[in-house]
Amino acid sequence: MRFLVDECTGPRVAGWLRSLGHDVVSVYDEARGIPDDDVIRRAYEESRILITNDKDFGERVYREGRRHHGIILLRLEDERAQVKIQVLERLLSHYGEELQDRFVVVTERYTRFATGK
């Protein structure tokens, strides 16, 4: 799969995804500090699923109508990299084939596929 890992999600998550053979761009490693509009635009233009902890992307998609090829929003109580990886591991193993072009909210306890755009 093709992912763009947002700066706030971190380089350890990007490295873990690469170790699984995914095609990954890390904002932290390659474009630290770029605006959210540039992040979502790059993910869309490169047909990547955006992984982020930034809830502002929900507003960009649902209020502003921004196009995307998939967004995974991590809403975690524990923001440690290992927890992010565990949550993503569970998501990919159960829903990997359903992520493209979907907006998904993931916590330590649940996965919710948003409806709408």
PDB file of N, CA and C in Angstrom:
ATOM      1  N   MET A   1       0.845  -1.175   0.000  1.00  0.00           N
ATOM      2  CA  MET A   1       0.000   0.000   0.000  1.00  0.00           C
ATOM      3  C   MET A   1       0.888   1.236   0.000  1.00  0.00           C
ATOM      4  N   ARG A   2       0.301   2.345  -0.406  1.00  0.00           N
ATOM      5  CA  ARG A   2       1.017   3.621  -0.452  1.00  0.00           C
ATOM      6  C   ARG A   2       0.494   4.516   0.668  1.00  0.00           C
ATOM      7  N   PHE A   3       1.398   4.973   1.538  1.00  0.00           N
ATOM      8  CA  PHE A   3       1.027   5.802   2.674  1.00  0.00           C
ATOM      9  C   PHE A   3       1.829   7.091   2.690  1.00  0.00           C
ATOM     10  N   LEU A   4       1.224   8.125   3.233  1.00  0.00           N
ATOM     11  CA  LEU A   4       1.917   9.343   3.614  1.00  0.00           C
ATOM     12  C   LEU A   4       1.711   9.481   5.116  1.00  0.00           C
ATOM     13  N   VAL A   5       2.785   9.430   5.876  1.00  0.00           N
ATOM     14  CA  VAL A   5       2.704   9.490   7.330  1.00  0.00           C
ATOM     15  C   VAL A   5       2.964  10.926   7.759  1.00  0.00           C
ATOM     16  N   ASP A   6       1.977  11.540   8.398  1.00  0.00           N
ATOM     17  CA  ASP A   6       2.065  12.930   8.824  1.00  0.00           C
ATOM     18  C   ASP A   6       3.168  13.104   9.870  1.00  0.00           C
ATOM     19  N   GLU A   7       3.649  14.315   9.974  1.00  0.00           N
ATOM     20  CA  GLU A   7       4.731  14.635  10.913  1.00  0.00           C
ATOM     21  C   GLU A   7       4.383  14.247  12.343  1.00  0.00           C
ATOM     22  N   CYS A   8       3.147  14.519  12.765  1.00  0.00           N
ATOM     23  CA  CYS A   8       2.742  14.241  14.145  1.00  0.00           C
ATOM     24  C   CYS A   8       2.655  12.742  14.434  1.00  0.00           C
ATOM     25  N   THR A   9       2.523  11.943  13.420  1.00  0.00           N
ATOM     26  CA  THR A   9       2.456  10.491  13.609  1.00  0.00           C
ATOM     27  C   THR A   9       3.844   9.905  13.804  1.00  0.00           C
ATOM     28  N   GLY A  10       4.831  10.486  13.160  1.00  0.00           N
ATOM     29  CA  GLY A  10       6.209  10.181  13.482  1.00  0.00           C
ATOM     30  C   GLY A  10       6.953   9.208  12.598  1.00  0.00           C
ATOM     31  N   PRO A  11       8.285   9.285  12.679  1.00  0.00           N
ATOM     32  CA  PRO A  11       9.142   8.464  11.821  1.00  0.00           C
ATOM     33  C   PRO A  11       9.168   6.980  12.187  1.00  0.00           C
ATOM     34  N   ARG A  12       8.916   6.639  13.434  1.00  0.00           N
ATOM     35  CA  ARG A  12       8.914   5.205  13.797  1.00  0.00           C
ATOM     36  C   ARG A  12       7.775   4.473  13.104  1.00  0.00           C
ATOM     37  N   VAL A  13       6.613   5.117  13.000  1.00  0.00           N
ATOM     38  CA  VAL A  13       5.484   4.509  12.297  1.00  0.00           C
ATOM     39  C   VAL A  13       5.839   4.336  10.818  1.00  0.00           C
ATOM     40  N   ALA A  14       6.439   5.362  10.225  1.00  0.00           N
ATOM     41  CA  ALA A  14       6.831   5.278   8.814  1.00  0.00           C
ATOM     42  C   ALA A  14       7.829   4.142   8.607  1.00  0.00           C
ATOM     43  N   GLY A  15       8.811   4.036   9.485  1.00  0.00           N
ATOM     44  CA  GLY A  15       9.802   2.966   9.373  1.00  0.00           C
ATOM     45  C   GLY A  15       9.186   1.585   9.511  1.00  0.00           C
ATOM     46  N   TRP A  16       8.246   1.453  10.432  1.00  0.00           N
ATOM     47  CA  TRP A  16       7.564   0.171  10.623  1.00  0.00           C
ATOM     48  C   TRP A  16       6.796  -0.223   9.361  1.00  0.00           C
ATOM     49  N   LEU A  17       6.074   0.733   8.777  1.00  0.00           N
ATOM     50  CA  LEU A  17       5.320   0.441   7.552  1.00  0.00           C
ATOM     51  C   LEU A  17       6.259   0.049   6.410  1.00  0.00           C
ATOM     52  N   ARG A  18       7.388   0.735   6.302  1.00  0.00           N
ATOM     53  CA  ARG A  18       8.378   0.370   5.276  1.00  0.00           C
ATOM     54  C   ARG A  18       8.892  -1.051   5.493  1.00  0.00           C
ATOM     55  N   SER A  19       9.102  -1.413   6.761  1.00  0.00           N
ATOM     56  CA  SER A  19       9.621  -2.756   7.056  1.00  0.00           C
ATOM     57  C   SER A  19       8.642  -3.842   6.627  1.00  0.00           C
ATOM     58  N   LEU A  20       7.377  -3.485   6.483  1.00  0.00           N
ATOM     59  CA  LEU A  20       6.362  -4.429   6.003  1.00  0.00           C
ATOM     60  C   LEU A  20       6.263  -4.438   4.482  1.00  0.00           C
ATOM     61  N   GLY A  21       7.046  -3.579   3.825  1.00  0.00           N
ATOM     62  CA  GLY A  21       7.067  -3.543   2.372  1.00  0.00           C
ATOM     63  C   GLY A  21       6.173  -2.496   1.744  1.00  0.00           C
ATOM     64  N   HIS A  22       5.591  -1.606   2.541  1.00  0.00           N
ATOM     65  CA  HIS A  22       4.728  -0.556   2.001  1.00  0.00           C
ATOM     66  C   HIS A  22       5.565   0.582   1.426  1.00  0.00           C
ATOM     67  N   ASP A  23       4.985   1.302   0.489  1.00  0.00           N
ATOM     68  CA  ASP A  23       5.590   2.490  -0.111  1.00  0.00           C
ATOM     69  C   ASP A  23       5.189   3.672   0.779  1.00  0.00           C
ATOM     70  N   VAL A  24       6.152   4.272   1.483  1.00  0.00           N
ATOM     71  CA  VAL A  24       5.847   5.253   2.522  1.00  0.00           C
ATOM     72  C   VAL A  24       6.628   6.541   2.312  1.00  0.00           C
ATOM     73  N   VAL A  25       5.915   7.659   2.418  1.00  0.00           N
ATOM     74  CA  VAL A  25       6.524   8.979   2.497  1.00  0.00           C
ATOM     75  C   VAL A  25       6.290   9.476   3.917  1.00  0.00           C
ATOM     76  N   SER A  26       7.349   9.974   4.552  1.00  0.00           N
ATOM     77  CA  SER A  26       7.267  10.497   5.912  1.00  0.00           C
ATOM     78  C   SER A  26       7.438  12.011   5.883  1.00  0.00           C
ATOM     79  N   VAL A  27       6.415  12.747   6.305  1.00  0.00           N
ATOM     80  CA  VAL A  27       6.521  14.204   6.377  1.00  0.00           C
ATOM     81  C   VAL A  27       7.619  14.591   7.359  1.00  0.00           C
ATOM     82  N   TYR A  28       7.728  13.861   8.449  1.00  0.00           N
ATOM     83  CA  TYR A  28       8.755  14.155   9.451  1.00  0.00           C
ATOM     84  C   TYR A  28      10.152  14.096   8.826  1.00  0.00           C
ATOM     85  N   ASP A  29      10.392  13.097   8.006  1.00  0.00           N
ATOM     86  CA  ASP A  29      11.716  12.913   7.411  1.00  0.00           C
ATOM     87  C   ASP A  29      11.958  13.783   6.181  1.00  0.00           C
ATOM     88  N   GLU A  30      10.912  14.074   5.419  1.00  0.00           N
ATOM     89  CA  GLU A  30      11.117  14.694   4.112  1.00  0.00           C
ATOM     90  C   GLU A  30      10.639  16.134   3.977  1.00  0.00           C
ATOM     91  N   ALA A  31       9.694  16.558   4.804  1.00  0.00           N
ATOM     92  CA  ALA A  31       9.117  17.892   4.588  1.00  0.00           C
ATOM     93  C   ALA A  31       8.590  18.494   5.887  1.00  0.00           C
ATOM     94  N   ARG A  32       9.355  18.343   6.937  1.00  0.00           N
ATOM     95  CA  ARG A  32       8.932  18.809   8.258  1.00  0.00           C
ATOM     96  C   ARG A  32       8.443  20.255   8.215  1.00  0.00           C
ATOM     97  N   GLY A  33       7.296  20.496   8.846  1.00  0.00           N
ATOM     98  CA  GLY A  33       6.765  21.848   8.972  1.00  0.00           C
ATOM     99  C   GLY A  33       5.885  22.320   7.827  1.00  0.00           C
ATOM    100  N   ILE A  34       5.623  21.470   6.831  1.00  0.00           N
ATOM    101  CA  ILE A  34       4.779  21.945   5.729  1.00  0.00           C
ATOM    102  C   ILE A  34       3.327  22.060   6.211  1.00  0.00           C
ATOM    103  N   PRO A  35       2.571  22.973   5.616  1.00  0.00           N
ATOM    104  CA  PRO A  35       1.169  23.169   6.021  1.00  0.00           C
ATOM    105  C   PRO A  35       0.300  21.939   5.720  1.00  0.00           C
ATOM    106  N   ASP A  36      -0.757  21.803   6.508  1.00  0.00           N
ATOM    107  CA  ASP A  36      -1.686  20.680   6.321  1.00  0.00           C
ATOM    108  C   ASP A  36      -2.255  20.629   4.909  1.00  0.00           C
ATOM    109  N   ASP A  37      -2.517  21.789   4.309  1.00  0.00           N
ATOM    110  CA  ASP A  37      -3.046  21.801   2.942  1.00  0.00           C
ATOM    111  C   ASP A  37      -2.080  21.120   1.973  1.00  0.00           C
ATOM    112  N   ASP A  38      -0.790  21.336   2.178  1.00  0.00           N
ATOM    113  CA  ASP A  38       0.212  20.694   1.323  1.00  0.00           C
ATOM    114  C   ASP A  38       0.296  19.195   1.596  1.00  0.00           C
ATOM    115  N   VAL A  39       0.104  18.811   2.848  1.00  0.00           N
ATOM    116  CA  VAL A  39       0.132  17.390   3.207  1.00  0.00           C
ATOM    117  C   VAL A  39      -1.003  16.651   2.507  1.00  0.00           C
ATOM    118  N   ILE A  40      -2.226  17.157   2.635  1.00  0.00           N
ATOM    119  CA  ILE A  40      -3.369  16.459   2.037  1.00  0.00           C
ATOM    120  C   ILE A  40      -3.300  16.504   0.515  1.00  0.00           C
ATOM    121  N   ARG A  41      -2.798  17.599  -0.041  1.00  0.00           N
ATOM    122  CA  ARG A  41      -2.654  17.689  -1.496  1.00  0.00           C
ATOM    123  C   ARG A  41      -1.636  16.666  -2.001  1.00  0.00           C
ATOM    124  N   ARG A  42      -0.496  16.565  -1.325  1.00  0.00           N
ATOM    125  CA  ARG A  42       0.524  15.600  -1.757  1.00  0.00           C
ATOM    126  C   ARG A  42       0.006  14.171  -1.664  1.00  0.00           C
ATOM    127  N   ALA A  43      -0.662  13.851  -0.562  1.00  0.00           N
ATOM    128  CA  ALA A  43      -1.219  12.502  -0.416  1.00  0.00           C
ATOM    129  C   ALA A  43      -2.186  12.208  -1.567  1.00  0.00           C
ATOM    130  N   TYR A  44      -3.029  13.171  -1.895  1.00  0.00           N
ATOM    131  CA  TYR A  44      -4.002  12.965  -2.970  1.00  0.00           C
ATOM    132  C   TYR A  44      -3.300  12.807  -4.327  1.00  0.00           C
ATOM    133  N   GLU A  45      -2.383  13.723  -4.616  1.00  0.00           N
ATOM    134  CA  GLU A  45      -1.703  13.701  -5.920  1.00  0.00           C
ATOM    135  C   GLU A  45      -0.886  12.433  -6.118  1.00  0.00           C
ATOM    136  N   GLU A  46      -0.364  11.863  -5.040  1.00  0.00           N
ATOM    137  CA  GLU A  46       0.454  10.661  -5.134  1.00  0.00           C
ATOM    138  C   GLU A  46      -0.332   9.383  -4.826  1.00  0.00           C
ATOM    139  N   SER A  47      -1.653   9.503  -4.712  1.00  0.00           N
ATOM    140  CA  SER A  47      -2.532   8.361  -4.429  1.00  0.00           C
ATOM    141  C   SER A  47      -2.083   7.598  -3.186  1.00  0.00           C
ATOM    142  N   ARG A  48      -1.856   8.343  -2.108  1.00  0.00           N
ATOM    143  CA  ARG A  48      -1.420   7.765  -0.841  1.00  0.00           C
ATOM    144  C   ARG A  48      -2.508   7.901   0.212  1.00  0.00           C
ATOM    145  N   ILE A  49      -2.571   6.943   1.102  1.00  0.00           N
ATOM    146  CA  ILE A  49      -3.446   7.028   2.272  1.00  0.00           C
ATOM    147  C   ILE A  49      -2.693   7.814   3.330  1.00  0.00           C
ATOM    148  N   LEU A  50      -3.301   8.870   3.811  1.00  0.00           N
ATOM    149  CA  LEU A  50      -2.687   9.724   4.834  1.00  0.00           C
ATOM    150  C   LEU A  50      -2.945   9.138   6.215  1.00  0.00           C
ATOM    151  N   ILE A  51      -1.882   8.997   7.005  1.00  0.00           N
ATOM    152  CA  ILE A  51      -2.004   8.571   8.396  1.00  0.00           C
ATOM    153  C   ILE A  51      -1.626   9.760   9.255  1.00  0.00           C
ATOM    154  N   THR A  52      -2.522  10.174  10.154  1.00  0.00           N
ATOM    155  CA  THR A  52      -2.307  11.376  10.944  1.00  0.00           C
ATOM    156  C   THR A  52      -2.935  11.263  12.327  1.00  0.00           C
ATOM    157  N   ASN A  53      -2.481  12.106  13.223  1.00  0.00           N
ATOM    158  CA  ASN A  53      -3.103  12.277  14.534  1.00  0.00           C
ATOM    159  C   ASN A  53      -3.828  13.617  14.599  1.00  0.00           C
ATOM    160  N   ASP A  54      -3.827  14.352  13.520  1.00  0.00           N
ATOM    161  CA  ASP A  54      -4.337  15.721  13.475  1.00  0.00           C
ATOM    162  C   ASP A  54      -5.805  15.727  13.039  1.00  0.00           C
ATOM    163  N   LYS A  55      -6.705  16.029  13.985  1.00  0.00           N
ATOM    164  CA  LYS A  55      -8.135  16.001  13.677  1.00  0.00           C
ATOM    165  C   LYS A  55      -8.565  17.093  12.703  1.00  0.00           C
ATOM    166  N   ASP A  56      -7.701  18.059  12.417  1.00  0.00           N
ATOM    167  CA  ASP A  56      -8.033  19.098  11.446  1.00  0.00           C
ATOM    168  C   ASP A  56      -8.293  18.522  10.055  1.00  0.00           C
ATOM    169  N   PHE A  57      -7.755  17.351   9.780  1.00  0.00           N
ATOM    170  CA  PHE A  57      -7.987  16.753   8.458  1.00  0.00           C
ATOM    171  C   PHE A  57      -9.446  16.339   8.288  1.00  0.00           C
ATOM    172  N   GLY A  58     -10.125  16.025   9.362  1.00  0.00           N
ATOM    173  CA  GLY A  58     -11.557  15.754   9.275  1.00  0.00           C
ATOM    174  C   GLY A  58     -12.316  16.981   8.799  1.00  0.00           C
ATOM    175  N   GLU A  59     -11.956  18.126   9.320  1.00  0.00           N
ATOM    176  CA  GLU A  59     -12.588  19.375   8.881  1.00  0.00           C
ATOM    177  C   GLU A  59     -12.279  19.653   7.417  1.00  0.00           C
ATOM    178  N   ARG A  60     -11.042  19.413   7.022  1.00  0.00           N
ATOM    179  CA  ARG A  60     -10.671  19.665   5.628  1.00  0.00           C
ATOM    180  C   ARG A  60     -11.473  18.773   4.670  1.00  0.00           C
ATOM    181  N   VAL A  61     -11.734  17.562   5.073  1.00  0.00           N
ATOM    182  CA  VAL A  61     -12.480  16.647   4.209  1.00  0.00           C
ATOM    183  C   VAL A  61     -13.975  16.942   4.254  1.00  0.00           C
ATOM    184  N   TYR A  62     -14.538  17.070   5.445  1.00  0.00           N
ATOM    185  CA  TYR A  62     -15.995  17.167   5.566  1.00  0.00           C
ATOM    186  C   TYR A  62     -16.550  18.578   5.452  1.00  0.00           C
ATOM    187  N   ARG A  63     -15.812  19.569   5.867  1.00  0.00           N
ATOM    188  CA  ARG A  63     -16.307  20.945   5.740  1.00  0.00           C
ATOM    189  C   ARG A  63     -15.828  21.619   4.470  1.00  0.00           C
ATOM    190  N   GLU A  64     -14.585  21.366   4.109  1.00  0.00           N
ATOM    191  CA  GLU A  64     -13.997  22.025   2.940  1.00  0.00           C
ATOM    192  C   GLU A  64     -14.104  21.186   1.674  1.00  0.00           C
ATOM    193  N   GLY A  65     -14.498  19.920   1.824  1.00  0.00           N
ATOM    194  CA  GLY A  65     -14.671  19.055   0.661  1.00  0.00           C
ATOM    195  C   GLY A  65     -13.374  18.633  -0.012  1.00  0.00           C
ATOM    196  N   ARG A  66     -12.282  18.580   0.749  1.00  0.00           N
ATOM    197  CA  ARG A  66     -10.992  18.189   0.171  1.00  0.00           C
ATOM    198  C   ARG A  66     -11.034  16.731  -0.259  1.00  0.00           C
ATOM    199  N   ARG A  67     -10.478  16.480  -1.428  1.00  0.00           N
ATOM    200  CA  ARG A  67     -10.438  15.127  -1.967  1.00  0.00           C
ATOM    201  C   ARG A  67      -9.263  14.372  -1.368  1.00  0.00           C
ATOM    202  N   HIS A  68      -9.408  13.061  -1.271  1.00  0.00           N
ATOM    203  CA  HIS A  68      -8.358  12.224  -0.703  1.00  0.00           C
ATOM    204  C   HIS A  68      -8.492  10.813  -1.241  1.00  0.00           C
ATOM    205  N   HIS A  69      -7.448  10.031  -1.007  1.00  0.00           N
ATOM    206  CA  HIS A  69      -7.463   8.611  -1.376  1.00  0.00           C
ATOM    207  C   HIS A  69      -7.445   7.727  -0.146  1.00  0.00           C
ATOM    208  N   GLY A  70      -7.835   8.313   0.971  1.00  0.00           N
ATOM    209  CA  GLY A  70      -7.896   7.597   2.234  1.00  0.00           C
ATOM    210  C   GLY A  70      -7.188   8.373   3.324  1.00  0.00           C
ATOM    211  N   ILE A  71      -7.823   8.436   4.480  1.00  0.00           N
ATOM    212  CA  ILE A  71      -7.226   9.078   5.649  1.00  0.00           C
ATOM    213  C   ILE A  71      -7.476   8.180   6.846  1.00  0.00           C
ATOM    214  N   ILE A  72      -6.407   7.908   7.575  1.00  0.00           N
ATOM    215  CA  ILE A  72      -6.504   7.181   8.838  1.00  0.00           C
ATOM    216  C   ILE A  72      -6.201   8.186   9.938  1.00  0.00           C
ATOM    217  N   LEU A  73      -7.206   8.491  10.737  1.00  0.00           N
ATOM    218  CA  LEU A  73      -7.052   9.436  11.845  1.00  0.00           C
ATOM    219  C   LEU A  73      -6.902   8.648  13.138  1.00  0.00           C
ATOM    220  N   LEU A  74      -5.726   8.756  13.742  1.00  0.00           N
ATOM    221  CA  LEU A  74      -5.444   8.080  15.010  1.00  0.00           C
ATOM    222  C   LEU A  74      -5.875   8.994  16.152  1.00  0.00           C
ATOM    223  N   ARG A  75      -6.859   8.571  16.927  1.00  0.00           N
ATOM    224  CA  ARG A  75      -7.360   9.334  18.077  1.00  0.00           C
ATOM    225  C   ARG A  75      -7.025   8.526  19.326  1.00  0.00           C
ATOM    226  N   LEU A  76      -5.777   8.638  19.758  1.00  0.00           N
ATOM    227  CA  LEU A  76      -5.271   7.770  20.811  1.00  0.00           C
ATOM    228  C   LEU A  76      -5.113   8.509  22.132  1.00  0.00           C
ATOM    229  N   GLU A  77      -5.383   7.794  23.213  1.00  0.00           N
ATOM    230  CA  GLU A  77      -5.120   8.325  24.545  1.00  0.00           C
ATOM    231  C   GLU A  77      -3.626   8.273  24.837  1.00  0.00           C
ATOM    232  N   ASP A  78      -2.971   7.236  24.357  1.00  0.00           N
ATOM    233  CA  ASP A  78      -1.541   7.038  24.550  1.00  0.00           C
ATOM    234  C   ASP A  78      -0.856   7.265  23.204  1.00  0.00           C
ATOM    235  N   GLU A  79      -0.088   8.325  23.083  1.00  0.00           N
ATOM    236  CA  GLU A  79       0.508   8.739  21.806  1.00  0.00           C
ATOM    237  C   GLU A  79       1.899   8.137  21.557  1.00  0.00           C
ATOM    238  N   ARG A  80       2.332   7.193  22.367  1.00  0.00           N
ATOM    239  CA  ARG A  80       3.643   6.587  22.129  1.00  0.00           C
ATOM    240  C   ARG A  80       3.660   5.854  20.795  1.00  0.00           C
ATOM    241  N   ALA A  81       4.828   5.855  20.153  1.00  0.00           N
ATOM    242  CA  ALA A  81       4.966   5.229  18.838  1.00  0.00           C
ATOM    243  C   ALA A  81       4.542   3.769  18.857  1.00  0.00           C
ATOM    244  N   GLN A  82       4.894   3.046  19.894  1.00  0.00           N
ATOM    245  CA  GLN A  82       4.547   1.628  19.956  1.00  0.00           C
ATOM    246  C   GLN A  82       3.034   1.415  19.963  1.00  0.00           C
ATOM    247  N   VAL A  83       2.304   2.292  20.617  1.00  0.00           N
ATOM    248  CA  VAL A  83       0.841   2.187  20.627  1.00  0.00           C
ATOM    249  C   VAL A  83       0.289   2.479  19.236  1.00  0.00           C
ATOM    250  N   LYS A  84       0.819   3.491  18.579  1.00  0.00           N
ATOM    251  CA  LYS A  84       0.386   3.797  17.207  1.00  0.00           C
ATOM    252  C   LYS A  84       0.595   2.582  16.303  1.00  0.00           C
ATOM    253  N   ILE A  85       1.748   1.952  16.438  1.00  0.00           N
ATOM    254  CA  ILE A  85       2.056   0.783  15.619  1.00  0.00           C
ATOM    255  C   ILE A  85       1.109  -0.375  15.939  1.00  0.00           C
ATOM    256  N   GLN A  86       0.830  -0.617  17.202  1.00  0.00           N
ATOM    257  CA  GLN A  86      -0.094  -1.694  17.577  1.00  0.00           C
ATOM    258  C   GLN A  86      -1.487  -1.453  17.006  1.00  0.00           C
ATOM    259  N   VAL A  87      -1.954  -0.215  17.090  1.00  0.00           N
ATOM    260  CA  VAL A  87      -3.285   0.126  16.578  1.00  0.00           C
ATOM    261  C   VAL A  87      -3.315  -0.029  15.055  1.00  0.00           C
ATOM    262  N   LEU A  88      -2.272   0.435  14.386  1.00  0.00           N
ATOM    263  CA  LEU A  88      -2.216   0.298  12.929  1.00  0.00           C
ATOM    264  C   LEU A  88      -2.075  -1.162  12.495  1.00  0.00           C
ATOM    265  N   GLU A  89      -1.347  -1.938  13.259  1.00  0.00           N
ATOM    266  CA  GLU A  89      -1.213  -3.363  12.960  1.00  0.00           C
ATOM    267  C   GLU A  89      -2.585  -4.043  12.995  1.00  0.00           C
ATOM    268  N   ARG A  90      -3.364  -3.732  14.019  1.00  0.00           N
ATOM    269  CA  ARG A  90      -4.717  -4.278  14.128  1.00  0.00           C
ATOM    270  C   ARG A  90      -5.589  -3.807  12.959  1.00  0.00           C
ATOM    271  N   LEU A  91      -5.499  -2.518  12.632  1.00  0.00           N
ATOM    272  CA  LEU A  91      -6.286  -1.966  11.533  1.00  0.00           C
ATOM    273  C   LEU A  91      -5.942  -2.649  10.215  1.00  0.00           C
ATOM    274  N   LEU A  92      -4.658  -2.750   9.909  1.00  0.00           N
ATOM    275  CA  LEU A  92      -4.248  -3.354   8.645  1.00  0.00           C
ATOM    276  C   LEU A  92      -4.615  -4.827   8.559  1.00  0.00           C
ATOM    277  N   SER A  93      -4.521  -5.539   9.671  1.00  0.00           N
ATOM    278  CA  SER A  93      -4.837  -6.968   9.621  1.00  0.00           C
ATOM    279  C   SER A  93      -6.334  -7.221   9.451  1.00  0.00           C
ATOM    280  N   HIS A  94      -7.163  -6.351  10.002  1.00  0.00           N
ATOM    281  CA  HIS A  94      -8.616  -6.546   9.910  1.00  0.00           C
ATOM    282  C   HIS A  94      -9.274  -5.822   8.736  1.00  0.00           C
ATOM    283  N   TYR A  95      -8.728  -4.668   8.355  1.00  0.00           N
ATOM    284  CA  TYR A  95      -9.412  -3.815   7.376  1.00  0.00           C
ATOM    285  C   TYR A  95      -8.523  -3.346   6.233  1.00  0.00           C
ATOM    286  N   GLY A  96      -7.365  -3.948   6.042  1.00  0.00           N
ATOM    287  CA  GLY A  96      -6.411  -3.475   5.049  1.00  0.00           C
ATOM    288  C   GLY A  96      -6.991  -3.237   3.672  1.00  0.00           C
ATOM    289  N   GLU A  97      -7.871  -4.113   3.246  1.00  0.00           N
ATOM    290  CA  GLU A  97      -8.457  -4.004   1.901  1.00  0.00           C
ATOM    291  C   GLU A  97      -9.551  -2.944   1.810  1.00  0.00           C
ATOM    292  N   GLU A  98      -9.960  -2.376   2.932  1.00  0.00           N
ATOM    293  CA  GLU A  98     -11.076  -1.419   2.949  1.00  0.00           C
ATOM    294  C   GLU A  98     -10.637   0.024   3.160  1.00  0.00           C
ATOM    295  N   LEU A  99      -9.347   0.309   3.179  1.00  0.00           N
ATOM    296  CA  LEU A  99      -8.855   1.625   3.560  1.00  0.00           C
ATOM    297  C   LEU A  99      -8.808   2.632   2.414  1.00  0.00           C
ATOM    298  N   GLN A 100      -8.599   2.156   1.196  1.00  0.00           N
ATOM    299  CA  GLN A 100      -8.478   3.063   0.059  1.00  0.00           C
ATOM    300  C   GLN A 100      -9.736   3.911  -0.093  1.00  0.00           C
ATOM    301  N   ASP A 101      -9.533   5.217  -0.203  1.00  0.00           N
ATOM    302  CA  ASP A 101     -10.618   6.193  -0.433  1.00  0.00           C
ATOM    303  C   ASP A 101     -11.606   6.302   0.725  1.00  0.00           C
ATOM    304  N   ARG A 102     -11.228   5.860   1.907  1.00  0.00           N
ATOM    305  CA  ARG A 102     -12.108   5.914   3.078  1.00  0.00           C
ATOM    306  C   ARG A 102     -11.492   6.812   4.148  1.00  0.00           C
ATOM    307  N   PHE A 103     -12.343   7.401   4.973  1.00  0.00           N
ATOM    308  CA  PHE A 103     -11.901   8.161   6.148  1.00  0.00           C
ATOM    309  C   PHE A 103     -12.155   7.275   7.354  1.00  0.00           C
ATOM    310  N   VAL A 104     -11.090   6.918   8.060  1.00  0.00           N
ATOM    311  CA  VAL A 104     -11.186   5.957   9.150  1.00  0.00           C
ATOM    312  C   VAL A 104     -10.668   6.603  10.434  1.00  0.00           C
ATOM    313  N   VAL A 105     -11.449   6.487  11.491  1.00  0.00           N
ATOM    314  CA  VAL A 105     -11.025   6.948  12.810  1.00  0.00           C
ATOM    315  C   VAL A 105     -10.715   5.716  13.650  1.00  0.00           C
ATOM    316  N   VAL A 106      -9.507   5.708  14.241  1.00  0.00           N
ATOM    317  CA  VAL A 106      -9.057   4.540  14.985  1.00  0.00           C
ATOM    318  C   VAL A 106      -8.615   4.970  16.377  1.00  0.00           C
ATOM    319  N   THR A 107      -9.077   4.233  17.391  1.00  0.00           N
ATOM    320  CA  THR A 107      -8.630   4.428  18.765  1.00  0.00           C
ATOM    321  C   THR A 107      -8.051   3.106  19.260  1.00  0.00           C
ATOM    322  N   GLU A 108      -7.653   3.091  20.511  1.00  0.00           N
ATOM    323  CA  GLU A 108      -7.179   1.837  21.096  1.00  0.00           C
ATOM    324  C   GLU A 108      -8.299   0.809  21.188  1.00  0.00           C
ATOM    325  N   ARG A 109      -9.548   1.248  21.175  1.00  0.00           N
ATOM    326  CA  ARG A 109     -10.677   0.340  21.394  1.00  0.00           C
ATOM    327  C   ARG A 109     -11.578   0.097  20.175  1.00  0.00           C
ATOM    328  N   TYR A 110     -11.589   1.007  19.217  1.00  0.00           N
ATOM    329  CA  TYR A 110     -12.509   0.821  18.097  1.00  0.00           C
ATOM    330  C   TYR A 110     -11.950   1.383  16.801  1.00  0.00           C
ATOM    331  N   THR A 111     -12.598   0.957  15.705  1.00  0.00           N
ATOM    332  CA  THR A 111     -12.344   1.459  14.376  1.00  0.00           C
ATOM    333  C   THR A 111     -13.674   1.899  13.801  1.00  0.00           C
ATOM    334  N   ARG A 112     -13.714   3.115  13.289  1.00  0.00           N
ATOM    335  CA  ARG A 112     -14.953   3.638  12.718  1.00  0.00           C
ATOM    336  C   ARG A 112     -14.689   4.177  11.317  1.00  0.00           C
ATOM    337  N   PHE A 113     -15.419   3.668  10.358  1.00  0.00           N
ATOM    338  CA  PHE A 113     -15.365   4.178   8.999  1.00  0.00           C
ATOM    339  C   PHE A 113     -16.409   5.279   8.894  1.00  0.00           C
ATOM    340  N   ALA A 114     -15.940   6.493   8.638  1.00  0.00           N
ATOM    341  CA  ALA A 114     -16.847   7.636   8.574  1.00  0.00           C
ATOM    342  C   ALA A 114     -17.702   7.546   7.327  1.00  0.00           C
ATOM    343  N   THR A 115     -18.891   8.088   7.420  1.00  0.00           N
ATOM    344  CA  THR A 115     -19.790   8.122   6.265  1.00  0.00           C
ATOM    345  C   THR A 115     -19.667   9.480   5.604  1.00  0.00           C
ATOM    346  N   GLY A 116     -20.215   9.593   4.427  1.00  0.00           N
ATOM    347  CA  GLY A 116     -20.167  10.872   3.721  1.00  0.00           C
ATOM    348  C   GLY A 116     -19.082  10.867   2.677  1.00  0.00           C
ATOM    349  N   LYS A 117     -18.526  12.055   2.450  1.00  0.00           N
ATOM    350  CA  LYS A 117     -17.596  12.287   1.361  1.00  0.00           C
ATOM    351  C   LYS A 117     -16.511  11.269   1.304  1.00  0.00           C
TER     352      LYS A 117
END
